[in-house]
Amino acid sequence: MYRQGVTYDEVSSFSECAAICESLDIDVCSYHPPSKRCVVSSLHGRDVSREGVYYMTKVETSDRQDSDSLDFEDPFEVEPAQEKDDCLHRLARLEAELEHCRSESIIPTPLCGVQGIAIHGRIDMIKVSGVDACKAICLANPSCQAYSASDDPGDWCYIFDRLHGGATTNYYRHLHTYDRDC
């Protein structure tokens, strides 16, 4: 079954289809593996029966539920002392390495003009005329860390609250994604 909406071709996996839905803030998507198509449901789309289509809905999970599900340790298990000491030593070494990495102030190089739209952290979507107008909107918003835009007049400007790190989807080939500092 699928809910009618916008169809994306050549989607390679369920997770890529789900990422498209998440980036567009849509709660229902469908994926058909043989044709590699993802259907992003529209608000008023109706459900249509179709064999071999996976119907996906957004699932909200709380952090508390996730941590409770991992709490299945055997209370009677005896932990060997040497194994415990080795783990503690490794943990201390890794924490020291992490602290060293955090102390180095490496500023990431901004990624500019990556083809496609960023996948995560969309906070706004505004109609603008061009990349420069979209950049101005991003710079005016303290929460903006990246933006996706095109030079097509009247196209959308997408604002994101995190750097895209090169993670884009190429279904919007006319769009390009820029970090705030481009």
N, C-alpha and C. Protein backbone atom coordinates (compact mmCIF):
# COMPACT_ATOMS: atom_id res chain seq x y z
N MET A 1 0.85 -1.17 0.00
CA MET A 1 0.00 0.00 0.00
C MET A 1 0.90 1.23 0.00
N TYR A 2 0.42 2.31 -0.61
CA TYR A 2 1.13 3.57 -0.56
C TYR A 2 0.12 4.72 -0.53
N ARG A 3 0.58 5.85 -0.04
CA ARG A 3 -0.26 7.05 -0.03
C ARG A 3 0.22 7.93 -1.19
N GLN A 4 -0.71 8.39 -2.00
CA GLN A 4 -0.37 9.18 -3.18
C GLN A 4 0.43 10.42 -2.79
N GLY A 5 1.35 10.80 -3.67
CA GLY A 5 2.18 11.97 -3.43
C GLY A 5 3.19 12.13 -4.55
N VAL A 6 4.37 12.63 -4.18
CA VAL A 6 5.44 12.89 -5.14
C VAL A 6 6.33 11.66 -5.24
N THR A 7 6.63 11.21 -6.45
CA THR A 7 7.44 10.02 -6.68
C THR A 7 8.88 10.41 -6.99
N TYR A 8 9.82 9.74 -6.32
CA TYR A 8 11.25 9.92 -6.58
C TYR A 8 11.79 8.61 -7.15
N ASP A 9 12.48 8.70 -8.28
CA ASP A 9 13.03 7.52 -8.94
C ASP A 9 14.47 7.28 -8.48
N GLU A 10 14.93 6.05 -8.68
CA GLU A 10 16.30 5.62 -8.40
C GLU A 10 16.71 5.88 -6.95
N VAL A 11 15.83 5.55 -6.02
CA VAL A 11 16.13 5.61 -4.59
C VAL A 11 16.66 4.23 -4.23
N SER A 12 17.88 4.17 -3.70
CA SER A 12 18.56 2.87 -3.58
C SER A 12 18.15 2.04 -2.38
N SER A 13 17.49 2.62 -1.37
CA SER A 13 17.18 1.82 -0.18
C SER A 13 16.01 2.42 0.60
N PHE A 14 15.52 1.61 1.56
CA PHE A 14 14.47 2.08 2.47
C PHE A 14 14.97 3.30 3.24
N SER A 15 16.23 3.21 3.73
CA SER A 15 16.76 4.28 4.56
C SER A 15 16.91 5.58 3.77
N GLU A 16 17.26 5.50 2.50
CA GLU A 16 17.36 6.71 1.69
C GLU A 16 15.98 7.33 1.49
N CYS A 17 14.97 6.50 1.30
CA CYS A 17 13.59 6.98 1.17
C CYS A 17 13.15 7.65 2.48
N ALA A 18 13.46 7.01 3.59
CA ALA A 18 13.11 7.58 4.90
C ALA A 18 13.83 8.90 5.13
N ALA A 19 15.09 9.00 4.68
CA ALA A 19 15.85 10.24 4.83
C ALA A 19 15.22 11.37 4.02
N ILE A 20 14.73 11.06 2.84
CA ILE A 20 14.06 12.07 2.02
C ILE A 20 12.82 12.58 2.76
N CYS A 21 12.02 11.65 3.30
CA CYS A 21 10.81 12.04 4.03
C CYS A 21 11.16 12.89 5.24
N GLU A 22 12.20 12.47 5.98
CA GLU A 22 12.59 13.20 7.18
C GLU A 22 13.06 14.61 6.81
N SER A 23 13.83 14.74 5.72
CA SER A 23 14.33 16.06 5.34
C SER A 23 13.19 16.98 4.90
N LEU A 24 12.11 16.41 4.40
CA LEU A 24 10.96 17.21 3.97
C LEU A 24 9.89 17.32 5.06
N ASP A 25 10.16 16.71 6.22
CA ASP A 25 9.26 16.73 7.37
C ASP A 25 7.90 16.11 7.02
N ILE A 26 7.94 14.97 6.33
CA ILE A 26 6.73 14.23 5.94
C ILE A 26 6.65 12.97 6.80
N ASP A 27 5.46 12.63 7.28
CA ASP A 27 5.29 11.50 8.19
C ASP A 27 5.06 10.16 7.50
N VAL A 28 4.61 10.15 6.25
CA VAL A 28 4.30 8.88 5.56
C VAL A 28 5.02 8.83 4.22
N CYS A 29 5.75 7.73 4.00
CA CYS A 29 6.42 7.47 2.72
C CYS A 29 6.23 6.01 2.38
N SER A 30 6.41 5.69 1.11
CA SER A 30 6.33 4.30 0.67
C SER A 30 7.52 4.01 -0.22
N TYR A 31 8.01 2.76 -0.15
CA TYR A 31 9.16 2.37 -0.94
C TYR A 31 8.88 1.07 -1.67
N HIS A 32 9.22 1.03 -2.96
CA HIS A 32 9.03 -0.15 -3.80
C HIS A 32 10.42 -0.59 -4.27
N PRO A 33 11.02 -1.63 -3.63
CA PRO A 33 12.39 -2.04 -3.95
C PRO A 33 12.63 -2.41 -5.42
N PRO A 34 11.75 -3.19 -6.08
CA PRO A 34 12.07 -3.57 -7.47
C PRO A 34 12.22 -2.37 -8.42
N SER A 35 11.38 -1.36 -8.26
CA SER A 35 11.46 -0.20 -9.15
C SER A 35 12.35 0.90 -8.58
N LYS A 36 12.79 0.74 -7.32
CA LYS A 36 13.62 1.74 -6.62
C LYS A 36 12.94 3.10 -6.61
N ARG A 37 11.64 3.09 -6.28
CA ARG A 37 10.87 4.33 -6.22
C ARG A 37 10.44 4.60 -4.80
N CYS A 38 10.46 5.87 -4.45
CA CYS A 38 10.01 6.33 -3.14
C CYS A 38 8.87 7.31 -3.39
N VAL A 39 7.75 7.11 -2.71
CA VAL A 39 6.61 8.03 -2.84
C VAL A 39 6.48 8.78 -1.52
N VAL A 40 6.67 10.09 -1.59
CA VAL A 40 6.52 10.97 -0.44
C VAL A 40 5.07 11.43 -0.45
N SER A 41 4.32 11.07 0.58
CA SER A 41 2.88 11.32 0.56
C SER A 41 2.56 12.80 0.59
N SER A 42 1.45 13.13 -0.06
CA SER A 42 0.96 14.49 0.02
C SER A 42 -0.08 14.54 1.13
N LEU A 43 -0.37 15.74 1.58
CA LEU A 43 -1.28 15.93 2.71
C LEU A 43 -2.65 15.32 2.44
N HIS A 44 -3.14 15.42 1.22
CA HIS A 44 -4.48 14.93 0.90
C HIS A 44 -4.44 13.70 -0.01
N GLY A 45 -3.29 13.03 -0.08
CA GLY A 45 -3.18 11.82 -0.90
C GLY A 45 -4.00 10.69 -0.29
N ARG A 46 -4.54 9.83 -1.14
CA ARG A 46 -5.32 8.71 -0.60
C ARG A 46 -4.46 7.45 -0.65
N ASP A 47 -4.77 6.51 0.23
CA ASP A 47 -4.06 5.25 0.30
C ASP A 47 -4.50 4.35 -0.85
N VAL A 48 -3.51 3.78 -1.55
CA VAL A 48 -3.77 2.91 -2.70
C VAL A 48 -3.10 1.57 -2.43
N SER A 49 -3.83 0.48 -2.66
CA SER A 49 -3.29 -0.86 -2.44
C SER A 49 -2.35 -1.22 -3.58
N ARG A 50 -1.15 -1.73 -3.24
CA ARG A 50 -0.18 -2.13 -4.25
C ARG A 50 0.73 -3.20 -3.65
N GLU A 51 0.88 -4.31 -4.33
CA GLU A 51 1.70 -5.43 -3.88
C GLU A 51 3.19 -5.04 -3.89
N GLY A 52 3.92 -5.41 -2.85
CA GLY A 52 5.37 -5.22 -2.80
C GLY A 52 5.83 -3.84 -2.41
N VAL A 53 4.91 -2.98 -1.99
CA VAL A 53 5.27 -1.63 -1.57
C VAL A 53 5.30 -1.57 -0.05
N TYR A 54 6.36 -1.02 0.49
CA TYR A 54 6.50 -0.90 1.94
C TYR A 54 6.03 0.48 2.37
N TYR A 55 5.08 0.50 3.28
CA TYR A 55 4.45 1.72 3.79
C TYR A 55 5.21 2.11 5.06
N MET A 56 5.81 3.28 5.08
CA MET A 56 6.62 3.70 6.23
C MET A 56 6.01 4.92 6.89
N THR A 57 5.91 4.87 8.21
CA THR A 57 5.42 6.02 8.97
C THR A 57 6.48 6.45 9.97
N LYS A 58 6.46 7.71 10.29
CA LYS A 58 7.41 8.26 11.25
C LYS A 58 7.12 7.71 12.63
N VAL A 59 8.15 7.27 13.33
CA VAL A 59 8.01 6.72 14.67
C VAL A 59 8.80 7.59 15.63
N GLU A 60 8.12 8.09 16.63
CA GLU A 60 8.76 8.89 17.67
C GLU A 60 9.18 7.97 18.80
N THR A 61 10.43 8.06 19.22
CA THR A 61 10.89 7.27 20.36
C THR A 61 11.49 8.22 21.38
N SER A 62 11.30 7.90 22.62
CA SER A 62 11.89 8.72 23.67
C SER A 62 13.21 8.10 24.08
N ASP A 63 14.13 8.94 24.55
CA ASP A 63 15.44 8.44 24.99
C ASP A 63 15.30 7.45 26.14
N ARG A 64 14.32 7.67 27.00
CA ARG A 64 14.13 6.79 28.15
C ARG A 64 13.76 5.38 27.70
N GLN A 65 12.87 5.28 26.71
CA GLN A 65 12.48 3.97 26.18
C GLN A 65 13.69 3.26 25.60
N ASP A 66 14.51 3.98 24.85
CA ASP A 66 15.68 3.37 24.22
C ASP A 66 16.65 2.84 25.25
N SER A 67 16.91 3.60 26.32
CA SER A 67 17.87 3.14 27.32
C SER A 67 17.30 1.99 28.14
N ASP A 68 15.99 1.96 28.37
CA ASP A 68 15.39 0.85 29.11
C ASP A 68 15.48 -0.45 28.32
N SER A 69 15.37 -0.37 27.00
CA SER A 69 15.39 -1.59 26.20
C SER A 69 16.76 -2.23 26.18
N LEU A 70 17.81 -1.48 26.52
CA LEU A 70 19.17 -2.03 26.52
C LEU A 70 19.58 -2.57 27.89
N ASP A 71 18.71 -2.50 28.85
CA ASP A 71 19.05 -2.84 30.23
C ASP A 71 18.70 -4.31 30.52
N PHE A 72 19.36 -5.25 29.83
CA PHE A 72 19.07 -6.67 30.01
C PHE A 72 20.31 -7.44 30.44
N GLU A 73 21.09 -6.90 31.33
CA GLU A 73 22.31 -7.58 31.77
C GLU A 73 21.96 -8.73 32.71
N ASP A 74 22.79 -9.76 32.66
CA ASP A 74 22.64 -10.92 33.54
C ASP A 74 23.21 -10.55 34.91
N PRO A 75 22.38 -10.49 35.97
CA PRO A 75 22.87 -10.07 37.29
C PRO A 75 23.78 -11.11 37.94
N PHE A 76 23.83 -12.33 37.42
CA PHE A 76 24.63 -13.39 38.03
C PHE A 76 25.94 -13.64 37.29
N GLU A 77 26.16 -12.90 36.20
CA GLU A 77 27.38 -13.11 35.42
C GLU A 77 28.59 -12.60 36.19
N VAL A 78 29.65 -13.39 36.21
CA VAL A 78 30.89 -13.01 36.89
C VAL A 78 31.83 -12.46 35.83
N GLU A 79 32.32 -11.23 36.05
CA GLU A 79 33.19 -10.58 35.09
C GLU A 79 34.64 -10.83 35.48
N PRO A 80 35.43 -11.40 34.61
CA PRO A 80 36.84 -11.65 34.93
C PRO A 80 37.58 -10.35 35.22
N ALA A 81 38.41 -10.36 36.25
CA ALA A 81 39.13 -9.17 36.69
C ALA A 81 40.06 -8.63 35.61
N GLN A 82 40.79 -9.50 34.91
CA GLN A 82 41.73 -9.05 33.88
C GLN A 82 41.00 -8.35 32.74
N GLU A 83 39.88 -8.91 32.31
CA GLU A 83 39.10 -8.31 31.23
C GLU A 83 38.59 -6.93 31.64
N LYS A 84 38.16 -6.82 32.87
CA LYS A 84 37.68 -5.53 33.39
C LYS A 84 38.82 -4.52 33.42
N ASP A 85 40.00 -4.93 33.91
CA ASP A 85 41.14 -4.02 33.97
C ASP A 85 41.55 -3.56 32.57
N ASP A 86 41.55 -4.49 31.60
CA ASP A 86 41.90 -4.14 30.23
C ASP A 86 40.92 -3.11 29.66
N CYS A 87 39.64 -3.33 29.92
CA CYS A 87 38.62 -2.39 29.44
C CYS A 87 38.77 -1.02 30.08
N LEU A 88 39.03 -0.98 31.37
CA LEU A 88 39.21 0.30 32.06
C LEU A 88 40.44 1.03 31.53
N HIS A 89 41.52 0.28 31.27
CA HIS A 89 42.74 0.89 30.73
C HIS A 89 42.46 1.47 29.34
N ARG A 90 41.77 0.69 28.50
CA ARG A 90 41.44 1.14 27.15
C ARG A 90 40.52 2.36 27.20
N LEU A 91 39.55 2.34 28.11
CA LEU A 91 38.64 3.47 28.27
C LEU A 91 39.41 4.73 28.66
N ALA A 92 40.34 4.62 29.60
CA ALA A 92 41.14 5.77 30.04
C ALA A 92 41.97 6.32 28.87
N ARG A 93 42.56 5.41 28.08
CA ARG A 93 43.37 5.82 26.93
C ARG A 93 42.51 6.53 25.89
N LEU A 94 41.32 6.00 25.61
CA LEU A 94 40.43 6.61 24.64
C LEU A 94 39.89 7.96 25.11
N GLU A 95 39.61 8.08 26.41
CA GLU A 95 39.15 9.36 26.96
C GLU A 95 40.25 10.41 26.86
N ALA A 96 41.51 10.01 27.11
CA ALA A 96 42.64 10.94 26.97
C ALA A 96 42.79 11.37 25.51
N GLU A 97 42.63 10.43 24.59
CA GLU A 97 42.72 10.74 23.16
C GLU A 97 41.59 11.68 22.74
N LEU A 98 40.39 11.44 23.26
CA LEU A 98 39.25 12.30 22.96
C LEU A 98 39.49 13.71 23.49
N GLU A 99 39.99 13.82 24.70
CA GLU A 99 40.28 15.13 25.29
C GLU A 99 41.32 15.87 24.47
N HIS A 100 42.34 15.13 23.99
CA HIS A 100 43.37 15.74 23.13
C HIS A 100 42.73 16.28 21.84
N CYS A 101 41.86 15.49 21.24
CA CYS A 101 41.18 15.92 20.01
C CYS A 101 40.30 17.14 20.25
N ARG A 102 39.62 17.16 21.37
CA ARG A 102 38.74 18.30 21.69
C ARG A 102 39.55 19.57 21.95
N SER A 103 40.77 19.42 22.48
CA SER A 103 41.58 20.58 22.81
C SER A 103 42.15 21.24 21.55
N GLU A 104 42.29 20.49 20.47
CA GLU A 104 42.76 21.07 19.22
C GLU A 104 41.60 21.81 18.56
N SER A 105 41.83 23.04 18.22
CA SER A 105 40.74 23.83 17.62
C SER A 105 40.86 23.79 16.10
N ILE A 106 40.42 22.70 15.53
CA ILE A 106 40.41 22.55 14.08
C ILE A 106 39.06 23.06 13.58
N ILE A 107 39.12 24.08 12.79
CA ILE A 107 37.89 24.65 12.24
C ILE A 107 37.63 23.95 10.90
N PRO A 108 36.48 23.31 10.77
CA PRO A 108 36.20 22.61 9.52
C PRO A 108 36.07 23.58 8.35
N THR A 109 36.58 23.18 7.21
CA THR A 109 36.46 23.98 6.00
C THR A 109 35.01 23.91 5.52
N PRO A 110 34.40 25.06 5.26
CA PRO A 110 33.01 25.02 4.81
C PRO A 110 32.89 24.34 3.44
N LEU A 111 31.81 23.61 3.27
CA LEU A 111 31.52 22.96 1.99
C LEU A 111 30.57 23.86 1.22
N CYS A 112 30.95 24.20 0.00
CA CYS A 112 30.18 25.19 -0.76
C CYS A 112 29.75 24.64 -2.11
N GLY A 113 28.47 24.74 -2.41
CA GLY A 113 27.97 24.40 -3.73
C GLY A 113 27.84 22.92 -4.02
N VAL A 114 27.61 22.10 -2.98
CA VAL A 114 27.45 20.66 -3.18
C VAL A 114 26.08 20.42 -3.83
N GLN A 115 26.07 19.65 -4.91
CA GLN A 115 24.81 19.42 -5.64
C GLN A 115 23.81 18.67 -4.78
N GLY A 116 22.56 19.11 -4.80
CA GLY A 116 21.49 18.48 -4.05
C GLY A 116 21.10 19.29 -2.83
N ILE A 117 20.11 18.78 -2.11
CA ILE A 117 19.60 19.45 -0.92
C ILE A 117 20.11 18.71 0.31
N ALA A 118 20.44 19.46 1.37
CA ALA A 118 20.90 18.84 2.61
C ALA A 118 19.81 17.92 3.15
N ILE A 119 20.23 16.91 3.90
CA ILE A 119 19.28 15.89 4.36
C ILE A 119 18.75 16.18 5.76
N HIS A 120 19.58 16.71 6.65
CA HIS A 120 19.18 16.81 8.05
C HIS A 120 19.10 18.26 8.55
N GLY A 121 18.16 18.50 9.44
CA GLY A 121 18.11 19.74 10.20
C GLY A 121 17.40 20.91 9.56
N ARG A 122 16.46 20.66 8.65
CA ARG A 122 15.76 21.78 8.01
C ARG A 122 14.90 22.51 9.03
N ILE A 123 15.05 23.85 9.08
CA ILE A 123 14.26 24.65 10.01
C ILE A 123 13.36 25.66 9.30
N ASP A 124 13.60 25.91 8.01
CA ASP A 124 12.76 26.88 7.32
C ASP A 124 12.84 26.66 5.80
N MET A 125 11.84 27.19 5.11
CA MET A 125 11.75 27.05 3.66
C MET A 125 11.06 28.31 3.15
N ILE A 126 11.75 29.08 2.29
CA ILE A 126 11.25 30.38 1.87
C ILE A 126 11.43 30.51 0.36
N LYS A 127 10.44 31.10 -0.34
CA LYS A 127 10.59 31.36 -1.78
C LYS A 127 11.48 32.59 -1.96
N VAL A 128 12.54 32.44 -2.78
CA VAL A 128 13.46 33.54 -3.05
C VAL A 128 13.88 33.51 -4.51
N SER A 129 14.64 34.52 -4.91
CA SER A 129 15.19 34.57 -6.27
C SER A 129 16.70 34.46 -6.20
N GLY A 130 17.22 33.25 -6.18
CA GLY A 130 18.66 33.06 -6.29
C GLY A 130 19.37 32.69 -5.01
N VAL A 131 20.62 32.26 -5.23
CA VAL A 131 21.48 31.80 -4.14
C VAL A 131 21.84 32.95 -3.20
N ASP A 132 22.14 34.14 -3.77
CA ASP A 132 22.54 35.27 -2.94
C ASP A 132 21.44 35.68 -1.97
N ALA A 133 20.19 35.67 -2.42
CA ALA A 133 19.07 36.01 -1.53
C ALA A 133 18.94 34.98 -0.42
N CYS A 134 19.14 33.71 -0.76
CA CYS A 134 19.06 32.65 0.24
C CYS A 134 20.18 32.79 1.27
N LYS A 135 21.38 33.13 0.79
CA LYS A 135 22.52 33.32 1.70
C LYS A 135 22.24 34.47 2.66
N ALA A 136 21.66 35.56 2.16
CA ALA A 136 21.33 36.70 3.02
C ALA A 136 20.35 36.29 4.11
N ILE A 137 19.38 35.46 3.76
CA ILE A 137 18.41 34.97 4.76
C ILE A 137 19.12 34.12 5.80
N CYS A 138 20.03 33.27 5.35
CA CYS A 138 20.79 32.41 6.27
C CYS A 138 21.62 33.26 7.23
N LEU A 139 22.33 34.25 6.70
CA LEU A 139 23.20 35.08 7.54
C LEU A 139 22.40 35.90 8.54
N ALA A 140 21.15 36.21 8.22
CA ALA A 140 20.30 36.98 9.13
C ALA A 140 19.71 36.11 10.24
N ASN A 141 19.77 34.80 10.08
CA ASN A 141 19.20 33.87 11.07
C ASN A 141 20.33 33.23 11.87
N PRO A 142 20.45 33.52 13.17
CA PRO A 142 21.55 32.96 13.97
C PRO A 142 21.52 31.44 14.05
N SER A 143 20.37 30.82 13.84
CA SER A 143 20.28 29.36 13.90
C SER A 143 20.76 28.69 12.61
N CYS A 144 20.85 29.45 11.54
CA CYS A 144 21.21 28.87 10.24
C CYS A 144 22.68 28.48 10.19
N GLN A 145 22.94 27.24 9.83
CA GLN A 145 24.31 26.75 9.65
C GLN A 145 24.58 26.35 8.20
N ALA A 146 23.52 26.12 7.41
CA ALA A 146 23.66 25.75 6.00
C ALA A 146 22.37 26.12 5.27
N TYR A 147 22.48 26.23 3.95
CA TYR A 147 21.30 26.54 3.15
C TYR A 147 21.41 25.85 1.79
N SER A 148 20.25 25.55 1.20
CA SER A 148 20.18 24.95 -0.13
C SER A 148 19.36 25.89 -1.01
N ALA A 149 19.88 26.18 -2.21
CA ALA A 149 19.19 27.12 -3.09
C ALA A 149 19.60 26.86 -4.54
N SER A 150 18.92 27.54 -5.46
CA SER A 150 19.29 27.50 -6.88
C SER A 150 19.18 28.91 -7.43
N ASP A 151 19.64 29.08 -8.67
CA ASP A 151 19.53 30.38 -9.32
C ASP A 151 18.23 30.53 -10.11
N ASP A 152 17.34 29.53 -10.02
CA ASP A 152 16.05 29.63 -10.70
C ASP A 152 15.19 30.67 -9.99
N PRO A 153 14.63 31.63 -10.73
CA PRO A 153 13.79 32.65 -10.09
C PRO A 153 12.56 32.01 -9.45
N GLY A 154 12.23 32.46 -8.27
CA GLY A 154 11.04 31.97 -7.57
C GLY A 154 11.20 30.58 -6.99
N ASP A 155 12.42 30.10 -6.85
CA ASP A 155 12.64 28.77 -6.29
C ASP A 155 12.69 28.87 -4.77
N TRP A 156 12.77 27.72 -4.12
CA TRP A 156 12.77 27.68 -2.66
C TRP A 156 14.18 27.79 -2.10
N CYS A 157 14.27 28.41 -0.94
CA CYS A 157 15.50 28.49 -0.15
C CYS A 157 15.25 27.66 1.10
N TYR A 158 16.09 26.67 1.33
CA TYR A 158 15.94 25.78 2.49
C TYR A 158 17.02 26.14 3.51
N ILE A 159 16.62 26.35 4.76
CA ILE A 159 17.52 26.74 5.83
C ILE A 159 17.69 25.56 6.79
N PHE A 160 18.94 25.28 7.20
CA PHE A 160 19.25 24.14 8.06
C PHE A 160 19.99 24.60 9.31
N ASP A 161 19.73 23.90 10.43
CA ASP A 161 20.34 24.28 11.71
C ASP A 161 21.64 23.55 12.00
N ARG A 162 22.20 22.86 10.99
CA ARG A 162 23.49 22.21 11.17
C ARG A 162 24.24 22.19 9.84
N LEU A 163 25.56 22.09 9.91
CA LEU A 163 26.37 21.98 8.70
C LEU A 163 25.98 20.71 7.98
N HIS A 164 25.99 20.74 6.65
CA HIS A 164 25.53 19.55 5.92
C HIS A 164 26.60 18.48 5.81
N GLY A 165 27.88 18.80 5.94
CA GLY A 165 28.93 17.80 5.93
C GLY A 165 28.98 16.98 4.65
N GLY A 166 28.41 17.49 3.57
CA GLY A 166 28.40 16.77 2.31
C GLY A 166 27.24 15.81 2.16
N ALA A 167 26.41 15.68 3.21
CA ALA A 167 25.28 14.75 3.16
C ALA A 167 24.10 15.44 2.47
N THR A 168 23.94 15.14 1.19
CA THR A 168 22.83 15.71 0.43
C THR A 168 22.14 14.59 -0.34
N THR A 169 20.95 14.90 -0.80
CA THR A 169 20.25 13.97 -1.69
C THR A 169 20.18 14.65 -3.05
N ASN A 170 20.44 13.90 -4.09
CA ASN A 170 20.54 14.52 -5.41
C ASN A 170 19.23 14.52 -6.19
N TYR A 171 18.11 14.38 -5.52
CA TYR A 171 16.82 14.42 -6.20
C TYR A 171 16.46 15.83 -6.63
N TYR A 172 17.09 16.79 -6.03
CA TYR A 172 16.89 18.18 -6.39
C TYR A 172 18.19 18.64 -7.05
N ARG A 173 18.46 18.15 -8.27
CA ARG A 173 19.74 18.41 -8.93
C ARG A 173 19.95 19.90 -9.22
N HIS A 174 18.87 20.65 -9.32
CA HIS A 174 19.00 22.08 -9.60
C HIS A 174 19.42 22.87 -8.36
N LEU A 175 19.29 22.26 -7.17
CA LEU A 175 19.69 22.93 -5.93
C LEU A 175 21.14 22.62 -5.61
N HIS A 176 21.77 23.55 -4.90
CA HIS A 176 23.11 23.34 -4.37
C HIS A 176 23.09 23.75 -2.91
N THR A 177 23.91 23.06 -2.11
CA THR A 177 23.91 23.30 -0.68
C THR A 177 25.23 23.95 -0.26
N TYR A 178 25.12 24.92 0.64
CA TYR A 178 26.26 25.70 1.09
C TYR A 178 26.27 25.76 2.61
N ASP A 179 27.45 25.65 3.22
CA ASP A 179 27.57 25.95 4.64
C ASP A 179 27.48 27.46 4.80
N ARG A 180 27.12 27.89 5.99
CA ARG A 180 26.90 29.31 6.28
C ARG A 180 28.11 30.17 5.90
N ASP A 181 29.33 29.68 6.12
CA ASP A 181 30.54 30.48 5.91
C ASP A 181 31.05 30.49 4.47
N CYS A 182 30.25 30.03 3.52
CA CYS A 182 30.70 30.03 2.11
C CYS A 182 30.70 31.45 1.56
